[in-house]
């Protein structure tokens, strides 16, 4: 246990930050699972879940709760699966 007052304060801060960071990471994992669950549903639901998951990942990375590269690694496959599900846009007809 810390003896000095500054060490005691540092322990309180670390405990508070650790609990907050764990809550943020849990929320990210939950959102990623919801995205995977929505993969079988309609495309609008999948877009919404992707948006929420990407937002949580970006926010956590900006605050350094997670590493920014981790956020990028998680978002890339999600974006790929979303892109595969989306219908291809109609090709423009040329007047030749």
PDB file of N, CA and C in Angstrom:
ATOM      1  N   UNK A   1       0.850  -1.189   0.000  1.00  0.00           N
ATOM      2  CA  UNK A   1       0.000   0.000   0.000  1.00  0.00           C
ATOM      3  C   UNK A   1       0.886   1.238   0.000  1.00  0.00           C
ATOM      4  N   UNK A   2       0.426   2.292  -0.659  1.00  0.00           N
ATOM      5  CA  UNK A   2       1.222   3.518  -0.718  1.00  0.00           C
ATOM      6  C   UNK A   2       1.259   4.213   0.653  1.00  0.00           C
ATOM      7  N   UNK A   3       2.352   4.912   0.873  1.00  0.00           N
ATOM      8  CA  UNK A   3       2.525   5.602   2.150  1.00  0.00           C
ATOM      9  C   UNK A   3       2.349   7.108   1.996  1.00  0.00           C
ATOM     10  N   UNK A   4       2.921   7.683   0.958  1.00  0.00           N
ATOM     11  CA  UNK A   4       2.830   9.136   0.790  1.00  0.00           C
ATOM     12  C   UNK A   4       1.466   9.517   0.231  1.00  0.00           C
ATOM     13  N   UNK A   5       1.100  10.773   0.484  1.00  0.00           N
ATOM     14  CA  UNK A   5      -0.212  11.233   0.028  1.00  0.00           C
ATOM     15  C   UNK A   5      -0.290  11.260  -1.495  1.00  0.00           C
ATOM     16  N   UNK A   6       0.822  11.602  -2.162  1.00  0.00           N
ATOM     17  CA  UNK A   6       0.796  11.642  -3.628  1.00  0.00           C
ATOM     18  C   UNK A   6       0.658  10.230  -4.209  1.00  0.00           C
ATOM     19  N   UNK A   7       1.269   9.252  -3.546  1.00  0.00           N
ATOM     20  CA  UNK A   7       1.142   7.868  -4.011  1.00  0.00           C
ATOM     21  C   UNK A   7      -0.278   7.348  -3.775  1.00  0.00           C
ATOM     22  N   UNK A   8      -0.898   7.779  -2.679  1.00  0.00           N
ATOM     23  CA  UNK A   8      -2.280   7.380  -2.411  1.00  0.00           C
ATOM     24  C   UNK A   8      -3.219   7.968  -3.467  1.00  0.00           C
ATOM     25  N   UNK A   9      -2.982   9.219  -3.811  1.00  0.00           N
ATOM     26  CA  UNK A   9      -3.802   9.856  -4.838  1.00  0.00           C
ATOM     27  C   UNK A   9      -3.607   9.158  -6.184  1.00  0.00           C
ATOM     28  N   UNK A  10      -2.368   8.832  -6.508  1.00  0.00           N
ATOM     29  CA  UNK A  10      -2.074   8.142  -7.761  1.00  0.00           C
ATOM     30  C   UNK A  10      -2.798   6.791  -7.820  1.00  0.00           C
ATOM     31  N   UNK A  11      -2.859   6.085  -6.691  1.00  0.00           N
ATOM     32  CA  UNK A  11      -3.574   4.807  -6.637  1.00  0.00           C
ATOM     33  C   UNK A  11      -5.064   5.011  -6.895  1.00  0.00           C
ATOM     34  N   UNK A  12      -5.637   6.067  -6.294  1.00  0.00           N
ATOM     35  CA  UNK A  12      -7.054   6.354  -6.520  1.00  0.00           C
ATOM     36  C   UNK A  12      -7.315   6.666  -7.991  1.00  0.00           C
ATOM     37  N   UNK A  13      -6.434   7.450  -8.590  1.00  0.00           N
ATOM     38  CA  UNK A  13      -6.604   7.811 -10.005  1.00  0.00           C
ATOM     39  C   UNK A  13      -6.480   6.585 -10.907  1.00  0.00           C
ATOM     40  N   UNK A  14      -5.492   5.757 -10.624  1.00  0.00           N
ATOM     41  CA  UNK A  14      -5.291   4.564 -11.447  1.00  0.00           C
ATOM     42  C   UNK A  14      -6.483   3.620 -11.359  1.00  0.00           C
ATOM     43  N   UNK A  15      -7.026   3.468 -10.157  1.00  0.00           N
ATOM     44  CA  UNK A  15      -8.187   2.593  -9.980  1.00  0.00           C
ATOM     45  C   UNK A  15      -9.376   3.110 -10.777  1.00  0.00           C
ATOM     46  N   UNK A  16      -9.609   4.421 -10.683  1.00  0.00           N
ATOM     47  CA  UNK A  16     -10.727   5.037 -11.387  1.00  0.00           C
ATOM     48  C   UNK A  16     -10.557   4.893 -12.897  1.00  0.00           C
ATOM     49  N   UNK A  17      -9.358   5.150 -13.396  1.00  0.00           N
ATOM     50  CA  UNK A  17      -9.092   5.049 -14.830  1.00  0.00           C
ATOM     51  C   UNK A  17      -9.218   3.606 -15.322  1.00  0.00           C
ATOM     52  N   UNK A  18      -8.713   2.660 -14.524  1.00  0.00           N
ATOM     53  CA  UNK A  18      -8.779   1.259 -14.932  1.00  0.00           C
ATOM     54  C   UNK A  18     -10.234   0.817 -15.083  1.00  0.00           C
ATOM     55  N   UNK A  19     -11.083   1.201 -14.129  1.00  0.00           N
ATOM     56  CA  UNK A  19     -12.499   0.821 -14.208  1.00  0.00           C
ATOM     57  C   UNK A  19     -13.169   1.446 -15.427  1.00  0.00           C
ATOM     58  N   UNK A  20     -12.841   2.702 -15.712  1.00  0.00           N
ATOM     59  CA  UNK A  20     -13.418   3.365 -16.884  1.00  0.00           C
ATOM     60  C   UNK A  20     -12.950   2.695 -18.167  1.00  0.00           C
ATOM     61  N   UNK A  21     -11.660   2.410 -18.255  1.00  0.00           N
ATOM     62  CA  UNK A  21     -11.120   1.787 -19.460  1.00  0.00           C
ATOM     63  C   UNK A  21     -11.713   0.396 -19.684  1.00  0.00           C
ATOM     64  N   UNK A  22     -11.905  -0.345 -18.604  1.00  0.00           N
ATOM     65  CA  UNK A  22     -12.507  -1.677 -18.735  1.00  0.00           C
ATOM     66  C   UNK A  22     -13.938  -1.569 -19.235  1.00  0.00           C
ATOM     67  N   UNK A  23     -14.669  -0.566 -18.773  1.00  0.00           N
ATOM     68  CA  UNK A  23     -16.043  -0.366 -19.222  1.00  0.00           C
ATOM     69  C   UNK A  23     -16.084  -0.011 -20.707  1.00  0.00           C
ATOM     70  N   UNK A  24     -15.152   0.823 -21.146  1.00  0.00           N
ATOM     71  CA  UNK A  24     -15.088   1.214 -22.559  1.00  0.00           C
ATOM     72  C   UNK A  24     -14.761  -0.002 -23.418  1.00  0.00           C
ATOM     73  N   UNK A  25     -13.790  -0.809 -22.989  1.00  0.00           N
ATOM     74  CA  UNK A  25     -13.414  -1.994 -23.766  1.00  0.00           C
ATOM     75  C   UNK A  25     -14.572  -2.995 -23.829  1.00  0.00           C
ATOM     76  N   UNK A  26     -15.306  -3.136 -22.743  1.00  0.00           N
ATOM     77  CA  UNK A  26     -16.456  -4.039 -22.718  1.00  0.00           C
ATOM     78  C   UNK A  26     -17.529  -3.547 -23.685  1.00  0.00           C
ATOM     79  N   UNK A  27     -17.747  -2.243 -23.728  1.00  0.00           N
ATOM     80  CA  UNK A  27     -18.743  -1.678 -24.635  1.00  0.00           C
ATOM     81  C   UNK A  27     -18.342  -1.914 -26.089  1.00  0.00           C
ATOM     82  N   UNK A  28     -17.052  -1.814 -26.375  1.00  0.00           N
ATOM     83  CA  UNK A  28     -16.567  -2.066 -27.733  1.00  0.00           C
ATOM     84  C   UNK A  28     -16.816  -3.520 -28.114  1.00  0.00           C
ATOM     85  N   UNK A  29     -16.469  -4.432 -27.227  1.00  0.00           N
ATOM     86  CA  UNK A  29     -16.658  -5.852 -27.522  1.00  0.00           C
ATOM     87  C   UNK A  29     -18.129  -6.175 -27.734  1.00  0.00           C
ATOM     88  N   UNK A  30     -18.994  -5.582 -26.933  1.00  0.00           N
ATOM     89  CA  UNK A  30     -20.431  -5.802 -27.074  1.00  0.00           C
ATOM     90  C   UNK A  30     -20.914  -5.285 -28.423  1.00  0.00           C
ATOM     91  N   UNK A  31     -20.436  -4.114 -28.824  1.00  0.00           N
ATOM     92  CA  UNK A  31     -20.847  -3.534 -30.102  1.00  0.00           C
ATOM     93  C   UNK A  31     -20.363  -4.379 -31.275  1.00  0.00           C
ATOM     94  N   UNK A  32     -19.156  -4.924 -31.164  1.00  0.00           N
ATOM     95  CA  UNK A  32     -18.636  -5.783 -32.226  1.00  0.00           C
ATOM     96  C   UNK A  32     -19.481  -7.046 -32.346  1.00  0.00           C
ATOM     97  N   UNK A  33     -19.918  -7.589 -31.229  1.00  0.00           N
ATOM     98  CA  UNK A  33     -20.772  -8.771 -31.266  1.00  0.00           C
ATOM     99  C   UNK A  33     -22.127  -8.446 -31.880  1.00  0.00           C
ATOM    100  N   UNK A  34     -22.653  -7.261 -31.605  1.00  0.00           N
ATOM    101  CA  UNK A  34     -23.921  -6.856 -32.193  1.00  0.00           C
ATOM    102  C   UNK A  34     -23.782  -6.690 -33.703  1.00  0.00           C
ATOM    103  N   UNK A  35     -22.616  -6.196 -34.145  1.00  0.00           N
ATOM    104  CA  UNK A  35     -22.373  -6.077 -35.584  1.00  0.00           C
ATOM    105  C   UNK A  35     -22.376  -7.454 -36.233  1.00  0.00           C
ATOM    106  N   UNK A  36     -21.695  -8.410 -35.606  1.00  0.00           N
ATOM    107  CA  UNK A  36     -21.655  -9.761 -36.161  1.00  0.00           C
ATOM    108  C   UNK A  36     -23.041 -10.394 -36.181  1.00  0.00           C
ATOM    109  N   UNK A  37     -23.847 -10.118 -35.170  1.00  0.00           N
ATOM    110  CA  UNK A  37     -25.197 -10.652 -35.130  1.00  0.00           C
ATOM    111  C   UNK A  37     -26.066 -10.033 -36.220  1.00  0.00           C
ATOM    112  N   UNK A  38     -25.822  -8.772 -36.541  1.00  0.00           N
ATOM    113  CA  UNK A  38     -26.609  -8.082 -37.565  1.00  0.00           C
ATOM    114  C   UNK A  38     -26.178  -8.463 -38.972  1.00  0.00           C
ATOM    115  N   UNK A  39     -25.087  -9.215 -39.098  1.00  0.00           N
ATOM    116  CA  UNK A  39     -24.587  -9.576 -40.425  1.00  0.00           C
ATOM    117  C   UNK A  39     -25.590 -10.421 -41.199  1.00  0.00           C
ATOM    118  N   UNK A  40     -26.470 -11.123 -40.508  1.00  0.00           N
ATOM    119  CA  UNK A  40     -27.463 -11.967 -41.184  1.00  0.00           C
ATOM    120  C   UNK A  40     -28.753 -11.218 -41.465  1.00  0.00           C
ATOM    121  N   UNK A  41     -28.887 -10.024 -40.935  1.00  0.00           N
ATOM    122  CA  UNK A  41     -30.125  -9.269 -41.083  1.00  0.00           C
ATOM    123  C   UNK A  41     -30.101  -8.319 -42.264  1.00  0.00           C
ATOM    124  N   UNK A  42     -30.982  -7.335 -42.231  1.00  0.00           N
ATOM    125  CA  UNK A  42     -31.061  -6.364 -43.329  1.00  0.00           C
ATOM    126  C   UNK A  42     -29.830  -5.456 -43.371  1.00  0.00           C
ATOM    127  N   UNK A  43     -29.573  -4.912 -44.538  1.00  0.00           N
ATOM    128  CA  UNK A  43     -28.373  -4.092 -44.747  1.00  0.00           C
ATOM    129  C   UNK A  43     -28.428  -2.793 -43.940  1.00  0.00           C
ATOM    130  N   UNK A  44     -29.633  -2.251 -43.732  1.00  0.00           N
ATOM    131  CA  UNK A  44     -29.751  -0.997 -42.972  1.00  0.00           C
ATOM    132  C   UNK A  44     -29.294  -1.213 -41.532  1.00  0.00           C
ATOM    133  N   UNK A  45     -29.679  -2.352 -40.975  1.00  0.00           N
ATOM    134  CA  UNK A  45     -29.272  -2.681 -39.601  1.00  0.00           C
ATOM    135  C   UNK A  45     -27.753  -2.861 -39.521  1.00  0.00           C
ATOM    136  N   UNK A  46     -27.192  -3.491 -40.530  1.00  0.00           N
ATOM    137  CA  UNK A  46     -25.745  -3.716 -40.563  1.00  0.00           C
ATOM    138  C   UNK A  46     -24.996  -2.392 -40.664  1.00  0.00           C
ATOM    139  N   UNK A  47     -25.508  -1.477 -41.488  1.00  0.00           N
ATOM    140  CA  UNK A  47     -24.883  -0.148 -41.612  1.00  0.00           C
ATOM    141  C   UNK A  47     -24.912   0.588 -40.276  1.00  0.00           C
ATOM    142  N   UNK A  48     -26.049   0.504 -39.590  1.00  0.00           N
ATOM    143  CA  UNK A  48     -26.200   1.193 -38.303  1.00  0.00           C
ATOM    144  C   UNK A  48     -25.229   0.625 -37.274  1.00  0.00           C
ATOM    145  N   UNK A  49     -25.139  -0.700 -37.207  1.00  0.00           N
ATOM    146  CA  UNK A  49     -24.238  -1.333 -36.239  1.00  0.00           C
ATOM    147  C   UNK A  49     -22.767  -1.031 -36.570  1.00  0.00           C
ATOM    148  N   UNK A  50     -22.447  -0.984 -37.865  1.00  0.00           N
ATOM    149  CA  UNK A  50     -21.078  -0.638 -38.258  1.00  0.00           C
ATOM    150  C   UNK A  50     -20.748   0.782 -37.829  1.00  0.00           C
ATOM    151  N   UNK A  51     -21.688   1.677 -38.045  1.00  0.00           N
ATOM    152  CA  UNK A  51     -21.471   3.075 -37.669  1.00  0.00           C
ATOM    153  C   UNK A  51     -21.222   3.211 -36.168  1.00  0.00           C
ATOM    154  N   UNK A  52     -22.031   2.527 -35.370  1.00  0.00           N
ATOM    155  CA  UNK A  52     -21.873   2.601 -33.915  1.00  0.00           C
ATOM    156  C   UNK A  52     -20.550   1.982 -33.466  1.00  0.00           C
ATOM    157  N   UNK A  53     -20.210   0.834 -34.050  1.00  0.00           N
ATOM    158  CA  UNK A  53     -18.971   0.162 -33.666  1.00  0.00           C
ATOM    159  C   UNK A  53     -17.755   1.003 -34.051  1.00  0.00           C
ATOM    160  N   UNK A  54     -17.780   1.565 -35.253  1.00  0.00           N
ATOM    161  CA  UNK A  54     -16.655   2.395 -35.708  1.00  0.00           C
ATOM    162  C   UNK A  54     -16.513   3.633 -34.831  1.00  0.00           C
ATOM    163  N   UNK A  55     -17.627   4.193 -34.438  1.00  0.00           N
ATOM    164  CA  UNK A  55     -17.598   5.382 -33.581  1.00  0.00           C
ATOM    165  C   UNK A  55     -16.968   5.063 -32.228  1.00  0.00           C
ATOM    166  N   UNK A  56     -17.385   3.932 -31.641  1.00  0.00           N
ATOM    167  CA  UNK A  56     -16.823   3.556 -30.338  1.00  0.00           C
ATOM    168  C   UNK A  56     -15.332   3.254 -30.445  1.00  0.00           C
ATOM    169  N   UNK A  57     -14.942   2.574 -31.511  1.00  0.00           N
ATOM    170  CA  UNK A  57     -13.522   2.261 -31.705  1.00  0.00           C
ATOM    171  C   UNK A  57     -12.706   3.535 -31.879  1.00  0.00           C
ATOM    172  N   UNK A  58     -13.197   4.450 -32.702  1.00  0.00           N
ATOM    173  CA  UNK A  58     -12.468   5.695 -32.954  1.00  0.00           C
ATOM    174  C   UNK A  58     -12.364   6.546 -31.689  1.00  0.00           C
ATOM    175  N   UNK A  59     -13.428   6.579 -30.933  1.00  0.00           N
ATOM    176  CA  UNK A  59     -13.429   7.376 -29.707  1.00  0.00           C
ATOM    177  C   UNK A  59     -12.435   6.816 -28.692  1.00  0.00           C
ATOM    178  N   UNK A  60     -12.433   5.491 -28.548  1.00  0.00           N
ATOM    179  CA  UNK A  60     -11.508   4.861 -27.611  1.00  0.00           C
ATOM    180  C   UNK A  60     -10.065   5.041 -28.063  1.00  0.00           C
ATOM    181  N   UNK A  61      -9.835   4.982 -29.373  1.00  0.00           N
ATOM    182  CA  UNK A  61      -8.479   5.172 -29.891  1.00  0.00           C
ATOM    183  C   UNK A  61      -8.024   6.610 -29.706  1.00  0.00           C
ATOM    184  N   UNK A  62      -8.929   7.554 -29.888  1.00  0.00           N
ATOM    185  CA  UNK A  62      -8.577   8.966 -29.712  1.00  0.00           C
ATOM    186  C   UNK A  62      -8.201   9.264 -28.268  1.00  0.00           C
ATOM    187  N   UNK A  63      -8.859   8.568 -27.350  1.00  0.00           N
ATOM    188  CA  UNK A  63      -8.568   8.777 -25.928  1.00  0.00           C
ATOM    189  C   UNK A  63      -7.488   7.825 -25.416  1.00  0.00           C
ATOM    190  N   UNK A  64      -6.927   7.042 -26.330  1.00  0.00           N
ATOM    191  CA  UNK A  64      -5.824   6.116 -26.020  1.00  0.00           C
ATOM    192  C   UNK A  64      -6.227   5.014 -25.047  1.00  0.00           C
ATOM    193  N   UNK A  65      -7.520   4.691 -24.991  1.00  0.00           N
ATOM    194  CA  UNK A  65      -7.947   3.535 -24.213  1.00  0.00           C
ATOM    195  C   UNK A  65      -7.456   2.280 -24.918  1.00  0.00           C
ATOM    196  N   UNK A  66      -7.552   2.294 -26.255  1.00  0.00           N
ATOM    197  CA  UNK A  66      -6.980   1.239 -27.079  1.00  0.00           C
ATOM    198  C   UNK A  66      -6.006   1.889 -28.056  1.00  0.00           C
ATOM    199  N   UNK A  67      -5.134   1.105 -28.630  1.00  0.00           N
ATOM    200  CA  UNK A  67      -4.179   1.631 -29.603  1.00  0.00           C
ATOM    201  C   UNK A  67      -4.913   1.944 -30.900  1.00  0.00           C
ATOM    202  N   UNK A  68      -4.564   3.022 -31.579  1.00  0.00           N
ATOM    203  CA  UNK A  68      -5.238   3.359 -32.834  1.00  0.00           C
ATOM    204  C   UNK A  68      -5.131   2.260 -33.893  1.00  0.00           C
ATOM    205  N   UNK A  69      -4.023   1.531 -33.910  1.00  0.00           N
ATOM    206  CA  UNK A  69      -3.886   0.449 -34.879  1.00  0.00           C
ATOM    207  C   UNK A  69      -4.867  -0.684 -34.586  1.00  0.00           C
ATOM    208  N   UNK A  70      -5.180  -0.904 -33.311  1.00  0.00           N
ATOM    209  CA  UNK A  70      -6.167  -1.918 -32.954  1.00  0.00           C
ATOM    210  C   UNK A  70      -7.532  -1.528 -33.507  1.00  0.00           C
ATOM    211  N   UNK A  71      -7.863  -0.249 -33.390  1.00  0.00           N
ATOM    212  CA  UNK A  71      -9.137   0.221 -33.929  1.00  0.00           C
ATOM    213  C   UNK A  71      -9.184   0.006 -35.437  1.00  0.00           C
ATOM    214  N   UNK A  72      -8.083   0.298 -36.116  1.00  0.00           N
ATOM    215  CA  UNK A  72      -8.036   0.117 -37.565  1.00  0.00           C
ATOM    216  C   UNK A  72      -8.149  -1.362 -37.932  1.00  0.00           C
ATOM    217  N   UNK A  73      -7.495  -2.217 -37.169  1.00  0.00           N
ATOM    218  CA  UNK A  73      -7.545  -3.656 -37.447  1.00  0.00           C
ATOM    219  C   UNK A  73      -8.949  -4.209 -37.248  1.00  0.00           C
ATOM    220  N   UNK A  74      -9.682  -3.665 -36.291  1.00  0.00           N
ATOM    221  CA  UNK A  74     -11.045  -4.141 -36.041  1.00  0.00           C
ATOM    222  C   UNK A  74     -12.023  -3.611 -37.095  1.00  0.00           C
ATOM    223  N   UNK A  75     -11.810  -2.366 -37.540  1.00  0.00           N
ATOM    224  CA  UNK A  75     -12.740  -1.754 -38.471  1.00  0.00           C
ATOM    225  C   UNK A  75     -12.591  -2.296 -39.887  1.00  0.00           C
ATOM    226  N   UNK A  76     -11.379  -2.676 -40.289  1.00  0.00           N
ATOM    227  CA  UNK A  76     -11.142  -3.098 -41.671  1.00  0.00           C
ATOM    228  C   UNK A  76     -11.988  -4.316 -42.070  1.00  0.00           C
ATOM    229  N   UNK A  77     -11.997  -5.413 -41.302  1.00  0.00           N
ATOM    230  CA  UNK A  77     -12.835  -6.539 -41.711  1.00  0.00           C
ATOM    231  C   UNK A  77     -14.331  -6.230 -41.640  1.00  0.00           C
ATOM    232  N   UNK A  78     -14.719  -5.376 -40.697  1.00  0.00           N
ATOM    233  CA  UNK A  78     -16.128  -5.003 -40.615  1.00  0.00           C
ATOM    234  C   UNK A  78     -16.542  -4.240 -41.871  1.00  0.00           C
ATOM    235  N   UNK A  79     -15.699  -3.310 -42.297  1.00  0.00           N
ATOM    236  CA  UNK A  79     -16.000  -2.542 -43.505  1.00  0.00           C
ATOM    237  C   UNK A  79     -16.036  -3.454 -44.722  1.00  0.00           C
ATOM    238  N   UNK A  80     -15.154  -4.431 -44.749  1.00  0.00           N
ATOM    239  CA  UNK A  80     -15.137  -5.371 -45.861  1.00  0.00           C
ATOM    240  C   UNK A  80     -16.408  -6.195 -45.929  1.00  0.00           C
ATOM    241  N   UNK A  81     -16.873  -6.680 -44.793  1.00  0.00           N
ATOM    242  CA  UNK A  81     -18.100  -7.478 -44.796  1.00  0.00           C
ATOM    243  C   UNK A  81     -19.310  -6.610 -45.134  1.00  0.00           C
ATOM    244  N   UNK A  82     -19.287  -5.350 -44.695  1.00  0.00           N
ATOM    245  CA  UNK A  82     -20.373  -4.437 -45.040  1.00  0.00           C
ATOM    246  C   UNK A  82     -20.366  -4.179 -46.548  1.00  0.00           C
ATOM    247  N   UNK A  83     -19.198  -3.997 -47.115  1.00  0.00           N
ATOM    248  CA  UNK A  83     -19.072  -3.735 -48.549  1.00  0.00           C
ATOM    249  C   UNK A  83     -19.553  -4.923 -49.370  1.00  0.00           C
ATOM    250  N   UNK A  84     -19.274  -6.128 -48.897  1.00  0.00           N
ATOM    251  CA  UNK A  84     -19.723  -7.328 -49.615  1.00  0.00           C
ATOM    252  C   UNK A  84     -21.246  -7.442 -49.611  1.00  0.00           C
ATOM    253  N   UNK A  85     -21.874  -7.040 -48.512  1.00  0.00           N
ATOM    254  CA  UNK A  85     -23.324  -7.158 -48.387  1.00  0.00           C
ATOM    255  C   UNK A  85     -24.065  -6.113 -49.218  1.00  0.00           C
ATOM    256  N   UNK A  86     -23.438  -4.941 -49.427  1.00  0.00           N
ATOM    257  CA  UNK A  86     -24.123  -3.872 -50.137  1.00  0.00           C
ATOM    258  C   UNK A  86     -24.295  -4.234 -51.611  1.00  0.00           C
ATOM    259  N   UNK A  87     -25.445  -3.879 -52.157  1.00  0.00           N
ATOM    260  CA  UNK A  87     -25.660  -4.167 -53.577  1.00  0.00           C
ATOM    261  C   UNK A  87     -24.754  -3.307 -54.445  1.00  0.00           C
ATOM    262  N   UNK A  88     -24.339  -3.864 -55.567  1.00  0.00           N
ATOM    263  CA  UNK A  88     -23.471  -3.123 -56.484  1.00  0.00           C
ATOM    264  C   UNK A  88     -24.271  -2.018 -57.148  1.00  0.00           C
ATOM    265  N   UNK A  89     -23.692  -0.827 -57.289  1.00  0.00           N
ATOM    266  CA  UNK A  89     -24.422   0.251 -57.959  1.00  0.00           C
ATOM    267  C   UNK A  89     -24.585  -0.073 -59.451  1.00  0.00           C
ATOM    268  N   UNK A  90     -25.675   0.405 -60.000  1.00  0.00           N
ATOM    269  CA  UNK A  90     -25.943   0.160 -61.411  1.00  0.00           C
ATOM    270  C   UNK A  90     -24.913   0.887 -62.265  1.00  0.00           C
ATOM    271  N   UNK A  91     -24.368   0.199 -63.252  1.00  0.00           N
ATOM    272  CA  UNK A  91     -23.374   0.811 -64.137  1.00  0.00           C
ATOM    273  C   UNK A  91     -24.074   1.797 -65.060  1.00  0.00           C
ATOM    274  N   UNK A  92     -23.481   2.960 -65.293  1.00  0.00           N
ATOM    275  CA  UNK A  92     -24.104   3.934 -66.189  1.00  0.00           C
ATOM    276  C   UNK A  92     -24.091   3.432 -67.630  1.00  0.00           C
ATOM    277  N   UNK A  93     -25.173   3.712 -68.335  1.00  0.00           N
ATOM    278  CA  UNK A  93     -25.286   3.285 -69.727  1.00  0.00           C
ATOM    279  C   UNK A  93     -24.588   4.306 -70.619  1.00  0.00           C
ATOM    280  N   UNK A  94     -23.705   3.814 -71.474  1.00  0.00           N
ATOM    281  CA  UNK A  94     -23.005   4.718 -72.402  1.00  0.00           C
ATOM    282  C   UNK A  94     -23.799   4.816 -73.689  1.00  0.00           C
ATOM    283  N   UNK A  95     -23.732   5.995 -74.312  1.00  0.00           N
ATOM    284  CA  UNK A  95     -24.440   6.237 -75.573  1.00  0.00           C
ATOM    285  C   UNK A  95     -23.480   6.108 -76.730  1.00  0.00           C
ATOM    286  N   UNK A  96     -23.046   4.911 -77.002  1.00  0.00           N
ATOM    287  CA  UNK A  96     -22.093   4.722 -78.079  1.00  0.00           C
ATOM    288  C   UNK A  96     -22.697   4.020 -79.269  1.00  0.00           C
TER     289      UNK A  96
END
